[in-house]
Amino acid sequence: MQLSFDHLVHFSPNPESAKTELLEKGMNVINGGHHEKWGTFNKLSYFGLSYIEWLGFHERAVAESVTDNDLIRQFVKEEHPYGHFGRFALRTENIEEVGKKLTEKGYDIEGPVAGSRRKEDGSTLEWRMLFVKNDEHELPLPFFIQWGEDDHTREQALAPLSQHPQGALKIENIYCAVHRVVETSEKWASVLELQLGEVYRDALLNATCRKLYLHGGNLILCESANGVVHETLQTVGERPFLVEIYNANEKAEFMVQNGRFRLKR
């Protein structure tokens, strides 16, 4: 499977407030649009083709009625007054092939599901998504997305949005809290066909970690009996908790709606 990191979804109690806070930190955040059939809307921050999405409810009753989108079902179930990173998507140019391979590996899949949102200029953006039915007690496997346009076309269109007051920022790593780093990292490497790094100790996080190499943003799984990793496990379970971004004009560390950010030069 040829996969790239596409985007990280933050389940936000107030995307507009998140946008205001992030703009103050030097990160450019734009208005996304509305997902009419899912009852949600979003704000977006682009880093080339990779991005972070702050997802909020526009009509919660509509969201509660959704049956064909596991991300929305997860958001409804995990809604938190302070917000948290919920799940991420990997990009593919052949979503049918991804579905076939996952089925061969023994996974139950859902989709491809057609998605769209109305942009502020009135135009419609379209894509397709594929979900893996997960054990909700574990780190949710990513969902898969195929856009209606090729990467080159999208990258040219998104280039102006990837310029931030803090510089031409790029996502380097997405950290995820897990209970068993070796077991989970080996499972993910096998399922997603990713290169796996060695187990190492992260002194800043006081955690045992392991990297999965992925174009557009690596995944780093971490376990610890204390500190921020343990706090994440206790409050929201096995979920992403930190985004590491490089090429910043100035180093910075901050938190917005329980999502942690580390900006590096």
C-alpha atoms as a PDB file:
ATOM      1  CA  MET A   1       0.000   0.000   0.000  1.00  0.00           C
ATOM      2  CA  GLN A   2       1.348   3.423  -0.952  1.00  0.00           C
ATOM      3  CA  LEU A   3       0.159   5.624   1.907  1.00  0.00           C
ATOM      4  CA  SER A   4       0.918   9.173   3.075  1.00  0.00           C
ATOM      5  CA  PHE A   5      -0.150  11.027   6.196  1.00  0.00           C
ATOM      6  CA  ASP A   6      -3.093  13.207   5.201  1.00  0.00           C
ATOM      7  CA  HIS A   7      -4.617  14.866   8.260  1.00  0.00           C
ATOM      8  CA  LEU A   8      -5.182  14.726  12.000  1.00  0.00           C
ATOM      9  CA  VAL A   9      -8.696  15.323  13.316  1.00  0.00           C
ATOM     10  CA  HIS A  10      -9.201  17.243  16.555  1.00  0.00           C
ATOM     11  CA  PHE A  11     -12.623  16.761  18.160  1.00  0.00           C
ATOM     12  CA  SER A  12     -13.229  20.379  19.089  1.00  0.00           C
ATOM     13  CA  PRO A  13     -15.860  21.898  21.385  1.00  0.00           C
ATOM     14  CA  ASN A  14     -15.343  25.221  19.602  1.00  0.00           C
ATOM     15  CA  PRO A  15     -13.358  25.289  16.323  1.00  0.00           C
ATOM     16  CA  GLU A  16     -13.645  29.090  16.065  1.00  0.00           C
ATOM     17  CA  SER A  17     -11.989  29.518  19.461  1.00  0.00           C
ATOM     18  CA  ALA A  18      -9.237  27.072  18.467  1.00  0.00           C
ATOM     19  CA  LYS A  19      -8.631  29.105  15.316  1.00  0.00           C
ATOM     20  CA  THR A  20      -8.244  32.314  17.325  1.00  0.00           C
ATOM     21  CA  GLU A  21      -5.756  30.734  19.745  1.00  0.00           C
ATOM     22  CA  LEU A  22      -3.661  29.191  16.987  1.00  0.00           C
ATOM     23  CA  LEU A  23      -3.505  32.407  14.990  1.00  0.00           C
ATOM     24  CA  GLU A  24      -2.071  34.045  18.095  1.00  0.00           C
ATOM     25  CA  LYS A  25       0.614  31.331  18.155  1.00  0.00           C
ATOM     26  CA  GLY A  26       1.668  32.032  14.568  1.00  0.00           C
ATOM     27  CA  MET A  27      -0.176  29.191  12.842  1.00  0.00           C
ATOM     28  CA  ASN A  28      -2.431  30.020   9.908  1.00  0.00           C
ATOM     29  CA  VAL A  29      -5.916  28.503  10.291  1.00  0.00           C
ATOM     30  CA  ILE A  30      -8.666  28.939   7.709  1.00  0.00           C
ATOM     31  CA  ASN A  31     -12.401  28.349   7.640  1.00  0.00           C
ATOM     32  CA  GLY A  32     -13.123  24.998   6.052  1.00  0.00           C
ATOM     33  CA  GLY A  33     -16.821  24.503   5.491  1.00  0.00           C
ATOM     34  CA  HIS A  34     -19.883  22.471   6.399  1.00  0.00           C
ATOM     35  CA  HIS A  35     -20.540  18.751   5.996  1.00  0.00           C
ATOM     36  CA  GLU A  36     -24.278  19.011   5.512  1.00  0.00           C
ATOM     37  CA  LYS A  37     -25.129  15.303   5.731  1.00  0.00           C
ATOM     38  CA  TRP A  38     -22.984  14.773   8.851  1.00  0.00           C
ATOM     39  CA  GLY A  39     -23.984  17.855  10.847  1.00  0.00           C
ATOM     40  CA  THR A  40     -20.386  19.062  11.281  1.00  0.00           C
ATOM     41  CA  PHE A  41     -18.092  21.902  10.200  1.00  0.00           C
ATOM     42  CA  ASN A  42     -14.354  22.513  10.404  1.00  0.00           C
ATOM     43  CA  LYS A  43     -11.352  24.824  10.574  1.00  0.00           C
ATOM     44  CA  LEU A  44      -8.133  23.781   8.840  1.00  0.00           C
ATOM     45  CA  SER A  45      -4.387  24.402   9.114  1.00  0.00           C
ATOM     46  CA  TYR A  46      -2.324  23.253   6.110  1.00  0.00           C
ATOM     47  CA  PHE A  47       1.314  22.130   5.987  1.00  0.00           C
ATOM     48  CA  GLY A  48       1.685  21.265   2.311  1.00  0.00           C
ATOM     49  CA  LEU A  49      -0.626  18.336   1.626  1.00  0.00           C
ATOM     50  CA  SER A  50      -0.786  17.440   5.327  1.00  0.00           C
ATOM     51  CA  TYR A  51      -3.142  19.317   7.608  1.00  0.00           C
ATOM     52  CA  ILE A  52      -4.890  19.461  10.966  1.00  0.00           C
ATOM     53  CA  GLU A  53      -8.671  19.676  11.153  1.00  0.00           C
ATOM     54  CA  TRP A  54     -10.663  21.081  14.064  1.00  0.00           C
ATOM     55  CA  LEU A  55     -14.033  19.378  13.730  1.00  0.00           C
ATOM     56  CA  GLY A  56     -17.134  20.727  15.462  1.00  0.00           C
ATOM     57  CA  PHE A  57     -20.852  20.056  15.504  1.00  0.00           C
ATOM     58  CA  HIS A  58     -23.071  22.243  13.357  1.00  0.00           C
ATOM     59  CA  GLU A  59     -26.242  20.212  13.918  1.00  0.00           C
ATOM     60  CA  ARG A  60     -25.591  17.595  16.577  1.00  0.00           C
ATOM     61  CA  ALA A  61     -28.888  15.826  15.979  1.00  0.00           C
ATOM     62  CA  VAL A  62     -27.839  15.189  12.378  1.00  0.00           C
ATOM     63  CA  ALA A  63     -24.441  13.889  13.538  1.00  0.00           C
ATOM     64  CA  GLU A  64     -26.142  11.510  15.977  1.00  0.00           C
ATOM     65  CA  SER A  65     -28.117   9.971  13.123  1.00  0.00           C
ATOM     66  CA  VAL A  66     -25.053   9.190  10.961  1.00  0.00           C
ATOM     67  CA  THR A  67     -24.559   5.478  10.296  1.00  0.00           C
ATOM     68  CA  ASP A  68     -22.055   5.375   7.392  1.00  0.00           C
ATOM     69  CA  ASN A  69     -19.132   7.409   8.782  1.00  0.00           C
ATOM     70  CA  ASP A  70     -17.147   5.901  11.656  1.00  0.00           C
ATOM     71  CA  LEU A  71     -15.306   9.171  12.298  1.00  0.00           C
ATOM     72  CA  ILE A  72     -18.559  11.008  13.039  1.00  0.00           C
ATOM     73  CA  ARG A  73     -19.776   8.130  15.190  1.00  0.00           C
ATOM     74  CA  GLN A  74     -16.512   8.308  17.135  1.00  0.00           C
ATOM     75  CA  PHE A  75     -16.849  12.089  17.551  1.00  0.00           C
ATOM     76  CA  VAL A  76     -20.400  11.753  18.911  1.00  0.00           C
ATOM     77  CA  LYS A  77     -19.282   9.081  21.362  1.00  0.00           C
ATOM     78  CA  GLU A  78     -16.125  10.898  22.509  1.00  0.00           C
ATOM     79  CA  GLU A  79     -17.344  14.491  22.659  1.00  0.00           C
ATOM     80  CA  HIS A  80     -15.413  16.168  25.478  1.00  0.00           C
ATOM     81  CA  PRO A  81     -15.897  19.697  26.898  1.00  0.00           C
ATOM     82  CA  TYR A  82     -12.176  20.433  26.490  1.00  0.00           C
ATOM     83  CA  GLY A  83     -11.570  18.662  23.178  1.00  0.00           C
ATOM     84  CA  HIS A  84      -8.849  16.191  22.125  1.00  0.00           C
ATOM     85  CA  PHE A  85      -7.115  14.704  19.100  1.00  0.00           C
ATOM     86  CA  GLY A  86      -9.312  11.838  17.930  1.00  0.00           C
ATOM     87  CA  ARG A  87      -8.019  10.122  14.810  1.00  0.00           C
ATOM     88  CA  PHE A  88      -6.019  10.652  11.654  1.00  0.00           C
ATOM     89  CA  ALA A  89      -6.353   9.840   7.975  1.00  0.00           C
ATOM     90  CA  LEU A  90      -3.865   8.375   5.519  1.00  0.00           C
ATOM     91  CA  ARG A  91      -4.013   9.323   1.860  1.00  0.00           C
ATOM     92  CA  THR A  92      -4.078   6.873  -1.035  1.00  0.00           C
ATOM     93  CA  GLU A  93      -4.479   7.083  -4.793  1.00  0.00           C
ATOM     94  CA  ASN A  94      -6.207   3.680  -4.930  1.00  0.00           C
ATOM     95  CA  ILE A  95      -8.729   3.260  -2.142  1.00  0.00           C
ATOM     96  CA  GLU A  96     -10.143   0.047  -3.636  1.00  0.00           C
ATOM     97  CA  GLU A  97      -6.712  -1.604  -3.439  1.00  0.00           C
ATOM     98  CA  VAL A  98      -6.378  -0.535   0.213  1.00  0.00           C
ATOM     99  CA  GLY A  99      -9.768  -2.054   0.988  1.00  0.00           C
ATOM    100  CA  LYS A 100      -8.844  -5.296  -0.778  1.00  0.00           C
ATOM    101  CA  LYS A 101      -5.562  -5.624   1.140  1.00  0.00           C
ATOM    102  CA  LEU A 102      -7.180  -4.907   4.497  1.00  0.00           C
ATOM    103  CA  THR A 103      -9.869  -7.493   3.817  1.00  0.00           C
ATOM    104  CA  GLU A 104      -7.162 -10.032   2.927  1.00  0.00           C
ATOM    105  CA  LYS A 105      -5.503  -9.252   6.270  1.00  0.00           C
ATOM    106  CA  GLY A 106      -8.736 -10.179   8.028  1.00  0.00           C
ATOM    107  CA  TYR A 107     -10.163  -6.723   8.808  1.00  0.00           C
ATOM    108  CA  ASP A 108     -13.788  -5.687   8.447  1.00  0.00           C
ATOM    109  CA  ILE A 109     -14.015  -2.510   6.411  1.00  0.00           C
ATOM    110  CA  GLU A 110     -16.675   0.117   5.821  1.00  0.00           C
ATOM    111  CA  GLY A 111     -16.777   1.992   2.534  1.00  0.00           C
ATOM    112  CA  PRO A 112     -15.581   3.569   0.386  1.00  0.00           C
ATOM    113  CA  VAL A 113     -17.931   6.301   1.631  1.00  0.00           C
ATOM    114  CA  ALA A 114     -18.439   9.433  -0.468  1.00  0.00           C
ATOM    115  CA  GLY A 115     -17.710  12.693   1.338  1.00  0.00           C
ATOM    116  CA  SER A 116     -18.147  16.352   0.482  1.00  0.00           C
ATOM    117  CA  ARG A 117     -18.293  19.772   2.062  1.00  0.00           C
ATOM    118  CA  ARG A 118     -19.482  23.151   0.956  1.00  0.00           C
ATOM    119  CA  LYS A 119     -16.631  25.660   0.910  1.00  0.00           C
ATOM    120  CA  GLU A 120     -17.001  29.334   1.765  1.00  0.00           C
ATOM    121  CA  ASP A 121     -16.898  30.295  -1.915  1.00  0.00           C
ATOM    122  CA  GLY A 122     -19.908  28.061  -2.552  1.00  0.00           C
ATOM    123  CA  SER A 123     -18.001  25.330  -4.390  1.00  0.00           C
ATOM    124  CA  THR A 124     -18.030  21.681  -3.329  1.00  0.00           C
ATOM    125  CA  LEU A 125     -14.994  19.615  -2.357  1.00  0.00           C
ATOM    126  CA  GLU A 126     -15.341  15.853  -2.809  1.00  0.00           C
ATOM    127  CA  TRP A 127     -13.483  12.757  -1.608  1.00  0.00           C
ATOM    128  CA  ARG A 128     -13.945   9.103  -0.649  1.00  0.00           C
ATOM    129  CA  MET A 129     -13.130   7.421   2.678  1.00  0.00           C
ATOM    130  CA  LEU A 130     -12.573   3.892   3.921  1.00  0.00           C
ATOM    131  CA  PHE A 131     -12.858   2.844   7.569  1.00  0.00           C
ATOM    132  CA  VAL A 132     -11.623  -0.163   9.517  1.00  0.00           C
ATOM    133  CA  LYS A 133     -13.944  -1.437  12.223  1.00  0.00           C
ATOM    134  CA  ASN A 134     -11.827  -1.006  15.355  1.00  0.00           C
ATOM    135  CA  ASP A 135     -11.657  -2.239  18.886  1.00  0.00           C
ATOM    136  CA  GLU A 136     -12.767   0.985  20.579  1.00  0.00           C
ATOM    137  CA  HIS A 137     -10.496   0.293  23.562  1.00  0.00           C
ATOM    138  CA  GLU A 138      -7.381   0.545  21.372  1.00  0.00           C
ATOM    139  CA  LEU A 139      -5.748   3.330  19.365  1.00  0.00           C
ATOM    140  CA  PRO A 140      -8.153   3.630  16.410  1.00  0.00           C
ATOM    141  CA  LEU A 141      -6.589   2.560  13.153  1.00  0.00           C
ATOM    142  CA  PRO A 142      -6.492   5.475  10.724  1.00  0.00           C
ATOM    143  CA  PHE A 143      -9.133   5.891   8.098  1.00  0.00           C
ATOM    144  CA  PHE A 144      -8.143   6.205   4.458  1.00  0.00           C
ATOM    145  CA  ILE A 145      -8.977   8.985   2.052  1.00  0.00           C
ATOM    146  CA  GLN A 146      -8.759   9.510  -1.695  1.00  0.00           C
ATOM    147  CA  TRP A 147      -9.295  13.025  -2.968  1.00  0.00           C
ATOM    148  CA  GLY A 148     -11.064  13.944  -6.168  1.00  0.00           C
ATOM    149  CA  GLU A 149      -7.909  15.685  -7.448  1.00  0.00           C
ATOM    150  CA  ASP A 150      -4.336  14.422  -7.767  1.00  0.00           C
ATOM    151  CA  ASP A 151      -1.643  15.432  -5.267  1.00  0.00           C
ATOM    152  CA  HIS A 152       0.147  17.814  -7.635  1.00  0.00           C
ATOM    153  CA  THR A 153      -3.003  19.806  -8.381  1.00  0.00           C
ATOM    154  CA  ARG A 154      -3.939  19.982  -4.712  1.00  0.00           C
ATOM    155  CA  GLU A 155      -0.422  20.928  -3.611  1.00  0.00           C
ATOM    156  CA  GLN A 156      -0.354  23.910  -5.981  1.00  0.00           C
ATOM    157  CA  ALA A 157      -3.762  25.088  -4.756  1.00  0.00           C
ATOM    158  CA  LEU A 158      -2.821  24.670  -1.084  1.00  0.00           C
ATOM    159  CA  ALA A 159       0.639  26.302  -1.262  1.00  0.00           C
ATOM    160  CA  PRO A 160      -0.586  29.810  -0.262  1.00  0.00           C
ATOM    161  CA  LEU A 161      -2.427  28.334   2.744  1.00  0.00           C
ATOM    162  CA  SER A 162       0.744  26.617   3.976  1.00  0.00           C
ATOM    163  CA  GLN A 163       2.507  29.920   4.674  1.00  0.00           C
ATOM    164  CA  HIS A 164       2.295  30.698   8.383  1.00  0.00           C
ATOM    165  CA  PRO A 165       3.448  33.716  10.414  1.00  0.00           C
ATOM    166  CA  GLN A 166       5.814  31.211  12.061  1.00  0.00           C
ATOM    167  CA  GLY A 167       7.244  30.188   8.667  1.00  0.00           C
ATOM    168  CA  ALA A 168       6.724  27.472   6.042  1.00  0.00           C
ATOM    169  CA  LEU A 169       5.805  24.888   8.679  1.00  0.00           C
ATOM    170  CA  LYS A 170       5.829  21.123   8.082  1.00  0.00           C
ATOM    171  CA  ILE A 171       4.468  18.303  10.214  1.00  0.00           C
ATOM    172  CA  GLU A 172       7.282  16.011  11.326  1.00  0.00           C
ATOM    173  CA  ASN A 173       5.785  13.636  13.906  1.00  0.00           C
ATOM    174  CA  ILE A 174       2.410  12.800  15.461  1.00  0.00           C
ATOM    175  CA  TYR A 175       2.739  11.227  18.914  1.00  0.00           C
ATOM    176  CA  CYS A 176       0.160   8.720  20.169  1.00  0.00           C
ATOM    177  CA  ALA A 177      -0.307   7.311  23.668  1.00  0.00           C
ATOM    178  CA  VAL A 178      -0.643   3.519  23.870  1.00  0.00           C
ATOM    179  CA  HIS A 179      -0.561   0.910  26.629  1.00  0.00           C
ATOM    180  CA  ARG A 180       1.802  -1.533  24.847  1.00  0.00           C
ATOM    181  CA  VAL A 181       4.180   0.208  22.470  1.00  0.00           C
ATOM    182  CA  VAL A 182       5.938  -2.881  21.068  1.00  0.00           C
ATOM    183  CA  GLU A 183       2.782  -4.893  20.419  1.00  0.00           C
ATOM    184  CA  THR A 184       0.822  -1.961  18.941  1.00  0.00           C
ATOM    185  CA  SER A 185       3.669  -0.669  16.763  1.00  0.00           C
ATOM    186  CA  GLU A 186       4.266  -4.119  15.284  1.00  0.00           C
ATOM    187  CA  LYS A 187       0.556  -4.514  14.564  1.00  0.00           C
ATOM    188  CA  TRP A 188       0.379  -1.129  12.854  1.00  0.00           C
ATOM    189  CA  ALA A 189       3.541  -1.735  10.813  1.00  0.00           C
ATOM    190  CA  SER A 190       2.065  -4.999   9.557  1.00  0.00           C
ATOM    191  CA  VAL A 191      -1.409  -3.646   8.802  1.00  0.00           C
ATOM    192  CA  LEU A 192      -0.234  -0.436   7.122  1.00  0.00           C
ATOM    193  CA  GLU A 193       2.974  -1.870   5.583  1.00  0.00           C
ATOM    194  CA  LEU A 194       5.176   0.817   7.145  1.00  0.00           C
ATOM    195  CA  GLN A 195       8.867   0.846   8.081  1.00  0.00           C
ATOM    196  CA  LEU A 196       9.337   0.455  11.818  1.00  0.00           C
ATOM    197  CA  GLY A 197      12.105   2.091  13.873  1.00  0.00           C
ATOM    198  CA  GLU A 198      13.806   0.838  17.010  1.00  0.00           C
ATOM    199  CA  VAL A 199      12.322   1.187  20.481  1.00  0.00           C
ATOM    200  CA  TYR A 200      13.878   4.181  22.283  1.00  0.00           C
ATOM    201  CA  ARG A 201      13.498   6.254  25.435  1.00  0.00           C
ATOM    202  CA  ASP A 202      12.175   9.818  25.069  1.00  0.00           C
ATOM    203  CA  ALA A 203      13.560  11.775  28.023  1.00  0.00           C
ATOM    204  CA  LEU A 204      11.283  14.798  27.482  1.00  0.00           C
ATOM    205  CA  LEU A 205       8.147  12.666  27.608  1.00  0.00           C
ATOM    206  CA  ASN A 206       9.614  10.156  30.091  1.00  0.00           C
ATOM    207  CA  ALA A 207       8.228   7.463  27.808  1.00  0.00           C
ATOM    208  CA  THR A 208       9.222   4.423  25.784  1.00  0.00           C
ATOM    209  CA  CYS A 209       8.530   5.170  22.122  1.00  0.00           C
ATOM    210  CA  ARG A 210       8.764   3.733  18.622  1.00  0.00           C
ATOM    211  CA  LYS A 211       8.479   5.449  15.227  1.00  0.00           C
ATOM    212  CA  LEU A 212       6.518   4.363  12.167  1.00  0.00           C
ATOM    213  CA  TYR A 213       7.918   6.140   9.104  1.00  0.00           C
ATOM    214  CA  LEU A 214       5.303   7.765   6.907  1.00  0.00           C
ATOM    215  CA  HIS A 215       5.546  10.388   4.165  1.00  0.00           C
ATOM    216  CA  GLY A 216       3.931  13.654   5.257  1.00  0.00           C
ATOM    217  CA  GLY A 217       4.226  13.001   9.004  1.00  0.00           C
ATOM    218  CA  ASN A 218       5.660  10.070  10.963  1.00  0.00           C
ATOM    219  CA  LEU A 219       3.696   8.302  13.693  1.00  0.00           C
ATOM    220  CA  ILE A 220       5.374   7.837  17.081  1.00  0.00           C
ATOM    221  CA  LEU A 221       3.724   5.508  19.593  1.00  0.00           C
ATOM    222  CA  CYS A 222       4.603   5.997  23.276  1.00  0.00           C
ATOM    223  CA  GLU A 223       3.879   4.256  26.572  1.00  0.00           C
ATOM    224  CA  SER A 224       4.566   5.485  30.092  1.00  0.00           C
ATOM    225  CA  ALA A 225       3.313   5.063  33.634  1.00  0.00           C
ATOM    226  CA  ASN A 226       3.423   8.813  34.276  1.00  0.00           C
ATOM    227  CA  GLY A 227       3.573  12.217  32.623  1.00  0.00           C
ATOM    228  CA  VAL A 228       1.587  13.397  29.614  1.00  0.00           C
ATOM    229  CA  VAL A 229       1.381   9.933  28.018  1.00  0.00           C
ATOM    230  CA  HIS A 230      -0.155   8.457  31.156  1.00  0.00           C
ATOM    231  CA  GLU A 231      -2.454  11.479  31.514  1.00  0.00           C
ATOM    232  CA  THR A 232      -3.715  10.976  27.960  1.00  0.00           C
ATOM    233  CA  LEU A 233      -4.387   7.289  28.589  1.00  0.00           C
ATOM    234  CA  GLN A 234      -6.294   8.113  31.763  1.00  0.00           C
ATOM    235  CA  THR A 235      -8.456  10.882  30.260  1.00  0.00           C
ATOM    236  CA  VAL A 236      -9.189   9.876  26.637  1.00  0.00           C
ATOM    237  CA  GLY A 237      -7.502   6.500  26.202  1.00  0.00           C
ATOM    238  CA  GLU A 238      -5.147   5.485  23.400  1.00  0.00           C
ATOM    239  CA  ARG A 239      -5.199   8.600  21.237  1.00  0.00           C
ATOM    240  CA  PRO A 240      -2.851  11.114  19.522  1.00  0.00           C
ATOM    241  CA  PHE A 241      -1.667  13.792  21.961  1.00  0.00           C
ATOM    242  CA  LEU A 242       1.206  15.806  20.431  1.00  0.00           C
ATOM    243  CA  VAL A 243       2.081  17.226  17.004  1.00  0.00           C
ATOM    244  CA  GLU A 244       5.720  18.072  16.329  1.00  0.00           C
ATOM    245  CA  ILE A 245       6.198  20.689  13.615  1.00  0.00           C
ATOM    246  CA  TYR A 246       9.506  21.836  12.116  1.00  0.00           C
ATOM    247  CA  ASN A 247      10.781  24.804  10.068  1.00  0.00           C
ATOM    248  CA  ALA A 248       9.434  27.345  12.571  1.00  0.00           C
ATOM    249  CA  ASN A 249      10.946  30.801  12.931  1.00  0.00           C
ATOM    250  CA  GLU A 250      10.896  30.415  16.705  1.00  0.00           C
ATOM    251  CA  LYS A 251      10.697  27.390  18.980  1.00  0.00           C
ATOM    252  CA  ALA A 252       7.482  27.075  20.962  1.00  0.00           C
ATOM    253  CA  GLU A 253       5.415  24.601  22.955  1.00  0.00           C
ATOM    254  CA  PHE A 254       1.757  25.167  23.724  1.00  0.00           C
ATOM    255  CA  MET A 255      -1.604  23.484  24.151  1.00  0.00           C
ATOM    256  CA  VAL A 256      -4.909  24.314  22.462  1.00  0.00           C
ATOM    257  CA  GLN A 257      -8.042  22.477  23.581  1.00  0.00           C
ATOM    258  CA  ASN A 258      -5.982  19.592  25.014  1.00  0.00           C
ATOM    259  CA  GLY A 259      -3.977  19.265  21.791  1.00  0.00           C
ATOM    260  CA  ARG A 260      -0.247  19.747  22.341  1.00  0.00           C
ATOM    261  CA  PHE A 261       2.071  21.387  19.812  1.00  0.00           C
ATOM    262  CA  ARG A 262       5.861  21.518  19.653  1.00  0.00           C
ATOM    263  CA  LEU A 263       7.351  23.923  17.093  1.00  0.00           C
ATOM    264  CA  LYS A 264      10.986  23.365  16.132  1.00  0.00           C
ATOM    265  CA  ARG A 265      13.369  25.321  13.931  1.00  0.00           C
END
